[in-house]
PDB file of N, CA and C in Angstrom:
ATOM      1  N   MET A   1     220.586 153.972 165.394  1.00  0.00           N
ATOM      2  CA  MET A   1     219.297 153.683 165.976  1.00  0.00           C
ATOM      3  C   MET A   1     218.558 152.772 165.012  1.00  0.00           C
ATOM      4  N   HIS A   2     218.007 151.702 165.529  1.00  0.00           N
ATOM      5  CA  HIS A   2     217.380 150.669 164.689  1.00  0.00           C
ATOM      6  C   HIS A   2     215.876 150.914 164.604  1.00  0.00           C
ATOM      7  N   GLY A   3     215.146 150.846 165.684  1.00  0.00           N
ATOM      8  CA  GLY A   3     213.725 151.126 165.719  1.00  0.00           C
ATOM      9  C   GLY A   3     212.804 149.944 165.538  1.00  0.00           C
ATOM     10  N   GLU A   4     213.082 149.089 164.566  1.00  0.00           N
ATOM     11  CA  GLU A   4     212.236 147.919 164.354  1.00  0.00           C
ATOM     12  C   GLU A   4     213.099 146.691 164.164  1.00  0.00           C
ATOM     13  N   TRP A   5     212.762 145.626 164.867  1.00  0.00           N
ATOM     14  CA  TRP A   5     213.550 144.405 164.889  1.00  0.00           C
ATOM     15  C   TRP A   5     212.695 143.204 164.578  1.00  0.00           C
ATOM     16  N   GLN A   6     213.204 142.314 163.759  1.00  0.00           N
ATOM     17  CA  GLN A   6     212.564 141.003 163.636  1.00  0.00           C
ATOM     18  C   GLN A   6     212.909 140.232 164.907  1.00  0.00           C
ATOM     19  N   LEU A   7     212.105 139.274 165.295  1.00  0.00           N
ATOM     20  CA  LEU A   7     212.316 138.578 166.558  1.00  0.00           C
ATOM     21  C   LEU A   7     213.723 137.992 166.649  1.00  0.00           C
ATOM     22  N   GLN A   8     214.187 137.362 165.586  1.00  0.00           N
ATOM     23  CA  GLN A   8     215.535 136.750 165.603  1.00  0.00           C
ATOM     24  C   GLN A   8     216.611 137.820 165.810  1.00  0.00           C
ATOM     25  N   GLN A   9     216.458 138.972 165.136  1.00  0.00           N
ATOM     26  CA  GLN A   9     217.389 140.067 165.332  1.00  0.00           C
ATOM     27  C   GLN A   9     217.372 140.577 166.767  1.00  0.00           C
ATOM     28  N   ALA A  10     216.156 140.658 167.327  1.00  0.00           N
ATOM     29  CA  ALA A  10     216.000 141.144 168.713  1.00  0.00           C
ATOM     30  C   ALA A  10     216.704 140.190 169.681  1.00  0.00           C
ATOM     31  N   LYS A  11     216.560 138.876 169.453  1.00  0.00           N
ATOM     32  CA  LYS A  11     217.208 137.899 170.309  1.00  0.00           C
ATOM     33  C   LYS A  11     218.730 138.026 170.205  1.00  0.00           C
ATOM     34  N   ASN A  12     219.226 138.186 169.002  1.00  0.00           N
ATOM     35  CA  ASN A  12     220.685 138.263 168.803  1.00  0.00           C
ATOM     36  C   ASN A  12     221.242 139.601 169.292  1.00  0.00           C
ATOM     37  N   GLY A  13     220.479 140.647 169.192  1.00  0.00           N
ATOM     38  CA  GLY A  13     220.969 141.984 169.568  1.00  0.00           C
ATOM     39  C   GLY A  13     220.245 142.560 170.772  1.00  0.00           C
ATOM     40  N   LEU A  14     219.894 141.709 171.724  1.00  0.00           N
ATOM     41  CA  LEU A  14     219.076 142.158 172.853  1.00  0.00           C
ATOM     42  C   LEU A  14     219.748 143.323 173.616  1.00  0.00           C
ATOM     43  N   SER A  15     221.021 143.242 173.832  1.00  0.00           N
ATOM     44  CA  SER A  15     221.682 144.333 174.601  1.00  0.00           C
ATOM     45  C   SER A  15     221.578 145.652 173.840  1.00  0.00           C
ATOM     46  N   GLN A  16     221.737 145.639 172.525  1.00  0.00           N
ATOM     47  CA  GLN A  16     221.608 146.865 171.752  1.00  0.00           C
ATOM     48  C   GLN A  16     220.160 147.368 171.754  1.00  0.00           C
ATOM     49  N   LEU A  17     219.223 146.454 171.627  1.00  0.00           N
ATOM     50  CA  LEU A  17     217.816 146.822 171.668  1.00  0.00           C
ATOM     51  C   LEU A  17     217.473 147.508 172.980  1.00  0.00           C
ATOM     52  N   ILE A  18     217.958 146.955 174.111  1.00  0.00           N
ATOM     53  CA  ILE A  18     217.695 147.557 175.421  1.00  0.00           C
ATOM     54  C   ILE A  18     218.364 148.908 175.531  1.00  0.00           C
ATOM     55  N   LYS A  19     219.604 149.053 175.069  1.00  0.00           N
ATOM     56  CA  LYS A  19     220.306 150.337 175.131  1.00  0.00           C
ATOM     57  C   LYS A  19     219.552 151.410 174.371  1.00  0.00           C
ATOM     58  N   GLU A  20     219.029 151.055 173.224  1.00  0.00           N
ATOM     59  CA  GLU A  20     218.278 152.042 172.420  1.00  0.00           C
ATOM     60  C   GLU A  20     216.952 152.421 173.097  1.00  0.00           C
ATOM     61  N   ALA A  21     216.268 151.426 173.692  1.00  0.00           N
ATOM     62  CA  ALA A  21     215.032 151.709 174.396  1.00  0.00           C
ATOM     63  C   ALA A  21     215.278 152.610 175.613  1.00  0.00           C
ATOM     64  N   VAL A  22     216.333 152.300 176.364  1.00  0.00           N
ATOM     65  CA  VAL A  22     216.689 153.115 177.541  1.00  0.00           C
ATOM     66  C   VAL A  22     217.082 154.508 177.103  1.00  0.00           C
ATOM     67  N   GLY A  23     217.653 154.656 175.918  1.00  0.00           N
ATOM     68  CA  GLY A  23     218.026 155.955 175.360  1.00  0.00           C
ATOM     69  C   GLY A  23     216.850 156.785 174.914  1.00  0.00           C
ATOM     70  N   GLY A  24     215.661 156.247 175.012  1.00  0.00           N
ATOM     71  CA  GLY A  24     214.445 157.031 174.696  1.00  0.00           C
ATOM     72  C   GLY A  24     213.782 156.698 173.390  1.00  0.00           C
ATOM     73  N   ALA A  25     214.314 155.718 172.665  1.00  0.00           N
ATOM     74  CA  ALA A  25     213.699 155.357 171.395  1.00  0.00           C
ATOM     75  C   ALA A  25     212.969 154.023 171.520  1.00  0.00           C
ATOM     76  N   PRO A  26     211.653 154.034 171.536  1.00  0.00           N
ATOM     77  CA  PRO A  26     210.908 152.766 171.637  1.00  0.00           C
ATOM     78  C   PRO A  26     211.314 151.837 170.500  1.00  0.00           C
ATOM     79  N   GLN A  27     211.434 150.561 170.793  1.00  0.00           N
ATOM     80  CA  GLN A  27     211.870 149.557 169.817  1.00  0.00           C
ATOM     81  C   GLN A  27     210.741 148.571 169.544  1.00  0.00           C
ATOM     82  N   ARG A  28     210.356 148.450 168.297  1.00  0.00           N
ATOM     83  CA  ARG A  28     209.295 147.525 167.903  1.00  0.00           C
ATOM     84  C   ARG A  28     209.893 146.175 167.527  1.00  0.00           C
ATOM     85  N   VAL A  29     209.247 145.135 167.948  1.00  0.00           N
ATOM     86  CA  VAL A  29     209.658 143.778 167.593  1.00  0.00           C
ATOM     87  C   VAL A  29     208.530 143.141 166.794  1.00  0.00           C
ATOM     88  N   THR A  30     208.927 142.562 165.635  1.00  0.00           N
ATOM     89  CA  THR A  30     207.930 141.932 164.771  1.00  0.00           C
ATOM     90  C   THR A  30     208.077 140.422 164.816  1.00  0.00           C
ATOM     91  N   LEU A  31     206.967 139.766 164.597  1.00  0.00           N
ATOM     92  CA  LEU A  31     206.931 138.282 164.548  1.00  0.00           C
ATOM     93  C   LEU A  31     206.228 137.929 163.245  1.00  0.00           C
ATOM     94  N   HIS A  32     206.922 137.261 162.353  1.00  0.00           N
ATOM     95  CA  HIS A  32     206.410 136.919 161.028  1.00  0.00           C
ATOM     96  C   HIS A  32     205.939 138.160 160.270  1.00  0.00           C
ATOM     97  N   GLY A  33     206.679 139.246 160.432  1.00  0.00           N
ATOM     98  CA  GLY A  33     206.389 140.484 159.712  1.00  0.00           C
ATOM     99  C   GLY A  33     205.311 141.330 160.302  1.00  0.00           C
ATOM    100  N   LYS A  34     204.712 140.912 161.413  1.00  0.00           N
ATOM    101  CA  LYS A  34     203.630 141.680 162.035  1.00  0.00           C
ATOM    102  C   LYS A  34     204.097 142.202 163.375  1.00  0.00           C
ATOM    103  N   PRO A  35     203.697 143.421 163.764  1.00  0.00           N
ATOM    104  CA  PRO A  35     204.087 143.984 165.063  1.00  0.00           C
ATOM    105  C   PRO A  35     203.656 143.050 166.200  1.00  0.00           C
ATOM    106  N   ALA A  36     204.597 142.754 167.105  1.00  0.00           N
ATOM    107  CA  ALA A  36     204.297 141.868 168.220  1.00  0.00           C
ATOM    108  C   ALA A  36     204.536 142.499 169.574  1.00  0.00           C
ATOM    109  N   ALA A  37     205.515 143.369 169.684  1.00  0.00           N
ATOM    110  CA  ALA A  37     205.842 143.968 170.980  1.00  0.00           C
ATOM    111  C   ALA A  37     206.578 145.272 170.793  1.00  0.00           C
ATOM    112  N   VAL A  38     206.566 146.076 171.852  1.00  0.00           N
ATOM    113  CA  VAL A  38     207.354 147.300 171.882  1.00  0.00           C
ATOM    114  C   VAL A  38     208.143 147.311 173.162  1.00  0.00           C
ATOM    115  N   VAL A  39     209.424 147.590 173.086  1.00  0.00           N
ATOM    116  CA  VAL A  39     210.294 147.677 174.258  1.00  0.00           C
ATOM    117  C   VAL A  39     210.524 149.167 174.515  1.00  0.00           C
ATOM    118  N   ILE A  40     210.206 149.601 175.751  1.00  0.00           N
ATOM    119  CA  ILE A  40     210.404 150.986 176.147  1.00  0.00           C
ATOM    120  C   ILE A  40     211.198 151.048 177.436  1.00  0.00           C
ATOM    121  N   ALA A  41     211.736 152.208 177.740  1.00  0.00           N
ATOM    122  CA  ALA A  41     212.462 152.399 178.980  1.00  0.00           C
ATOM    123  C   ALA A  41     211.498 152.330 180.154  1.00  0.00           C
ATOM    124  N   VAL A  42     212.002 151.876 181.293  1.00  0.00           N
ATOM    125  CA  VAL A  42     211.146 151.716 182.462  1.00  0.00           C
ATOM    126  C   VAL A  42     210.548 153.056 182.923  1.00  0.00           C
ATOM    127  N   GLU A  43     211.277 154.140 182.732  1.00  0.00           N
ATOM    128  CA  GLU A  43     210.733 155.465 183.087  1.00  0.00           C
ATOM    129  C   GLU A  43     209.495 155.794 182.251  1.00  0.00           C
ATOM    130  N   GLU A  44     209.569 155.477 180.974  1.00  0.00           N
ATOM    131  CA  GLU A  44     208.437 155.720 180.096  1.00  0.00           C
ATOM    132  C   GLU A  44     207.255 154.829 180.475  1.00  0.00           C
ATOM    133  N   TYR A  45     207.522 153.557 180.786  1.00  0.00           N
ATOM    134  CA  TYR A  45     206.483 152.644 181.207  1.00  0.00           C
ATOM    135  C   TYR A  45     205.810 153.166 182.490  1.00  0.00           C
ATOM    136  N   GLU A  46     206.594 153.595 183.440  1.00  0.00           N
ATOM    137  CA  GLU A  46     206.031 154.094 184.694  1.00  0.00           C
ATOM    138  C   GLU A  46     205.205 155.364 184.444  1.00  0.00           C
ATOM    139  N   ARG A  47     205.673 156.230 183.550  1.00  0.00           N
ATOM    140  CA  ARG A  47     204.921 157.435 183.238  1.00  0.00           C
ATOM    141  C   ARG A  47     203.569 157.074 182.594  1.00  0.00           C
ATOM    142  N   LEU A  48     203.581 156.094 181.708  1.00  0.00           N
ATOM    143  CA  LEU A  48     202.351 155.706 181.030  1.00  0.00           C
ATOM    144  C   LEU A  48     201.372 154.988 181.958  1.00  0.00           C
ATOM    145  N   THR A  49     201.869 154.189 182.860  1.00  0.00           N
ATOM    146  CA  THR A  49     200.957 153.429 183.747  1.00  0.00           C
ATOM    147  C   THR A  49     200.567 154.215 184.961  1.00  0.00           C
ATOM    148  N   LYS A  50     201.335 155.184 185.386  1.00  0.00           N
ATOM    149  CA  LYS A  50     200.995 155.989 186.549  1.00  0.00           C
ATOM    150  C   LYS A  50     199.702 156.738 186.351  1.00  0.00           C
ATOM    151  N   ARG A  51     199.466 157.213 185.179  1.00  0.00           N
ATOM    152  CA  ARG A  51     198.280 157.993 184.868  1.00  0.00           C
ATOM    153  C   ARG A  51     197.020 157.161 185.066  1.00  0.00           C
ATOM    154  N   ASN A  52     197.114 155.859 184.892  1.00  0.00           N
ATOM    155  CA  ASN A  52     195.925 155.009 184.945  1.00  0.00           C
ATOM    156  C   ASN A  52     195.425 154.758 186.340  1.00  0.00           C
ATOM    157  N   LYS A  53     196.204 155.172 187.353  1.00  0.00           N
ATOM    158  CA  LYS A  53     195.786 154.951 188.735  1.00  0.00           C
ATOM    159  C   LYS A  53     194.899 156.121 189.184  1.00  0.00           C
ATOM    160  N   GLY A  54     193.916 155.838 189.955  1.00  0.00           N
ATOM    161  CA  GLY A  54     193.079 156.894 190.472  1.00  0.00           C
ATOM    162  C   GLY A  54     191.768 156.998 189.702  1.00  0.00           C
ATOM    163  N   ARG A  55     191.254 158.200 189.704  1.00  0.00           N
ATOM    164  CA  ARG A  55     189.929 158.406 189.112  1.00  0.00           C
ATOM    165  C   ARG A  55     190.029 158.830 187.658  1.00  0.00           C
ATOM    166  N   LEU A  56     189.032 158.489 186.889  1.00  0.00           N
ATOM    167  CA  LEU A  56     188.998 158.861 185.487  1.00  0.00           C
ATOM    168  C   LEU A  56     189.030 160.375 185.318  1.00  0.00           C
ATOM    169  N   SER A  57     188.289 161.083 186.139  1.00  0.00           N
ATOM    170  CA  SER A  57     188.243 162.547 186.038  1.00  0.00           C
ATOM    171  C   SER A  57     189.618 163.166 186.225  1.00  0.00           C
ATOM    172  N   THR A  58     190.432 162.580 187.104  1.00  0.00           N
ATOM    173  CA  THR A  58     191.787 163.087 187.306  1.00  0.00           C
ATOM    174  C   THR A  58     192.611 162.901 186.052  1.00  0.00           C
ATOM    175  N   ALA A  59     192.496 161.733 185.436  1.00  0.00           N
ATOM    176  CA  ALA A  59     193.266 161.452 184.232  1.00  0.00           C
ATOM    177  C   ALA A  59     192.828 162.378 183.085  1.00  0.00           C
ATOM    178  N   LEU A  60     191.537 162.652 182.954  1.00  0.00           N
ATOM    179  CA  LEU A  60     191.056 163.480 181.870  1.00  0.00           C
ATOM    180  C   LEU A  60     191.465 164.949 182.030  1.00  0.00           C
ATOM    181  N   LEU A  61     191.742 165.346 183.258  1.00  0.00           N
ATOM    182  CA  LEU A  61     192.148 166.731 183.496  1.00  0.00           C
ATOM    183  C   LEU A  61     193.632 166.958 183.358  1.00  0.00           C
ATOM    184  N   GLN A  62     194.388 165.926 183.030  1.00  0.00           N
ATOM    185  CA  GLN A  62     195.836 166.073 182.846  1.00  0.00           C
ATOM    186  C   GLN A  62     196.085 166.963 181.649  1.00  0.00           C
ATOM    187  N   PRO A  63     197.024 167.906 181.767  1.00  0.00           N
ATOM    188  CA  PRO A  63     197.251 168.836 180.668  1.00  0.00           C
ATOM    189  C   PRO A  63     197.865 168.209 179.431  1.00  0.00           C
ATOM    190  N   ASP A  64     198.496 167.008 179.563  1.00  0.00           N
ATOM    191  CA  ASP A  64     199.127 166.417 178.399  1.00  0.00           C
ATOM    192  C   ASP A  64     198.188 165.517 177.612  1.00  0.00           C
ATOM    193  N   ILE A  65     196.913 165.444 178.021  1.00  0.00           N
ATOM    194  CA  ILE A  65     195.924 164.652 177.263  1.00  0.00           C
ATOM    195  C   ILE A  65     195.262 165.575 176.255  1.00  0.00           C
ATOM    196  N   ALA A  66     195.361 165.221 174.993  1.00  0.00           N
ATOM    197  CA  ALA A  66     194.756 166.045 173.950  1.00  0.00           C
ATOM    198  C   ALA A  66     193.282 165.707 173.834  1.00  0.00           C
ATOM    199  N   GLY A  67     192.417 166.665 174.075  1.00  0.00           N
ATOM    200  CA  GLY A  67     190.995 166.426 173.974  1.00  0.00           C
ATOM    201  C   GLY A  67     190.421 166.889 172.672  1.00  0.00           C
ATOM    202  N   ASP A  68     191.251 167.423 171.780  1.00  0.00           N
ATOM    203  CA  ASP A  68     190.766 167.945 170.537  1.00  0.00           C
ATOM    204  C   ASP A  68     190.202 166.868 169.633  1.00  0.00           C
ATOM    205  N   ASP A  69     190.712 165.642 169.750  1.00  0.00           N
ATOM    206  CA  ASP A  69     190.280 164.576 168.862  1.00  0.00           C
ATOM    207  C   ASP A  69     189.162 163.725 169.438  1.00  0.00           C
ATOM    208  N   ILE A  70     188.628 164.121 170.598  1.00  0.00           N
ATOM    209  CA  ILE A  70     187.556 163.340 171.224  1.00  0.00           C
ATOM    210  C   ILE A  70     186.215 163.935 170.768  1.00  0.00           C
ATOM    211  N   ASP A  71     185.331 163.109 170.284  1.00  0.00           N
ATOM    212  CA  ASP A  71     184.013 163.535 169.823  1.00  0.00           C
ATOM    213  C   ASP A  71     183.002 163.270 170.949  1.00  0.00           C
ATOM    214  N   PHE A  72     182.490 164.335 171.549  1.00  0.00           N
ATOM    215  CA  PHE A  72     181.532 164.208 172.645  1.00  0.00           C
ATOM    216  C   PHE A  72     180.081 164.302 172.156  1.00  0.00           C
ATOM    217  N   ALA A  73     179.877 164.383 170.850  1.00  0.00           N
ATOM    218  CA  ALA A  73     178.510 164.471 170.306  1.00  0.00           C
ATOM    219  C   ALA A  73     177.764 163.186 170.575  1.00  0.00           C
ATOM    220  N   ARG A  74     176.502 163.317 170.934  1.00  0.00           N
ATOM    221  CA  ARG A  74     175.643 162.164 171.189  1.00  0.00           C
ATOM    222  C   ARG A  74     174.799 161.856 169.955  1.00  0.00           C
ATOM    223  N   ASP A  75     174.587 160.600 169.718  1.00  0.00           N
ATOM    224  CA  ASP A  75     173.723 160.174 168.640  1.00  0.00           C
ATOM    225  C   ASP A  75     172.270 160.425 169.065  1.00  0.00           C
ATOM    226  N   ARG A  76     171.507 161.096 168.245  1.00  0.00           N
ATOM    227  CA  ARG A  76     170.121 161.474 168.560  1.00  0.00           C
ATOM    228  C   ARG A  76     169.127 160.351 168.224  1.00  0.00           C
ATOM    229  N   ASP A  77     169.627 159.255 167.722  1.00  0.00           N
ATOM    230  CA  ASP A  77     168.785 158.127 167.381  1.00  0.00           C
ATOM    231  C   ASP A  77     168.127 157.588 168.636  1.00  0.00           C
ATOM    232  N   THR A  78     166.800 157.455 168.636  1.00  0.00           N
ATOM    233  CA  THR A  78     166.078 156.957 169.809  1.00  0.00           C
ATOM    234  C   THR A  78     165.799 155.473 169.735  1.00  0.00           C
ATOM    235  N   GLY A  79     166.340 154.817 168.755  1.00  0.00           N
ATOM    236  CA  GLY A  79     166.135 153.387 168.616  1.00  0.00           C
ATOM    237  C   GLY A  79     165.079 153.103 167.554  1.00  0.00           C
ATOM    238  N   ARG A  80     164.583 151.936 167.562  1.00  0.00           N
ATOM    239  CA  ARG A  80     163.586 151.572 166.546  1.00  0.00           C
ATOM    240  C   ARG A  80     162.254 151.275 167.216  1.00  0.00           C
ATOM    241  N   ASP A  81     161.188 151.408 166.459  1.00  0.00           N
ATOM    242  CA  ASP A  81     159.846 151.131 166.936  1.00  0.00           C
ATOM    243  C   ASP A  81     159.659 149.626 167.018  1.00  0.00           C
ATOM    244  N   VAL A  82     159.090 149.190 168.118  1.00  0.00           N
ATOM    245  CA  VAL A  82     158.865 147.755 168.281  1.00  0.00           C
ATOM    246  C   VAL A  82     157.367 147.546 168.523  1.00  0.00           C
ATOM    247  N   VAL A  83     156.799 146.619 167.782  1.00  0.00           N
ATOM    248  CA  VAL A  83     155.402 146.288 167.927  1.00  0.00           C
ATOM    249  C   VAL A  83     155.307 144.963 168.712  1.00  0.00           C
ATOM    250  N   LEU A  84     154.605 144.999 169.845  1.00  0.00           N
ATOM    251  CA  LEU A  84     154.447 143.803 170.651  1.00  0.00           C
ATOM    252  C   LEU A  84     153.083 143.222 170.530  1.00  0.00           C
TER     253      LEU A  84
END
C-alpha cells in the first residue's frame, strides 16, 4: 500500500493507484510537494456526497456525525459603541 504519490508516480502507476483506492485506502497525490488531490473509491465518494443532499437538520441528526467537537457557545459581545 502506497498512500501518497507524486504526480509523476501517479501517472506512471495509475492502475495501482486506482486498485489501492478501490481497496479502501484513499490515495493522496502531491504536486510540487504539496497535497493536490485525493483518489477514493466511488462507493466512498457516494457515501460522502449523499449526506449533503436534503436538509441541514437531517444531516446533523446522522449518528455518524460527531458533535462533540462543535462549539455552540455564542459570543456575548454586543459590538462597539458608535457616535453619530
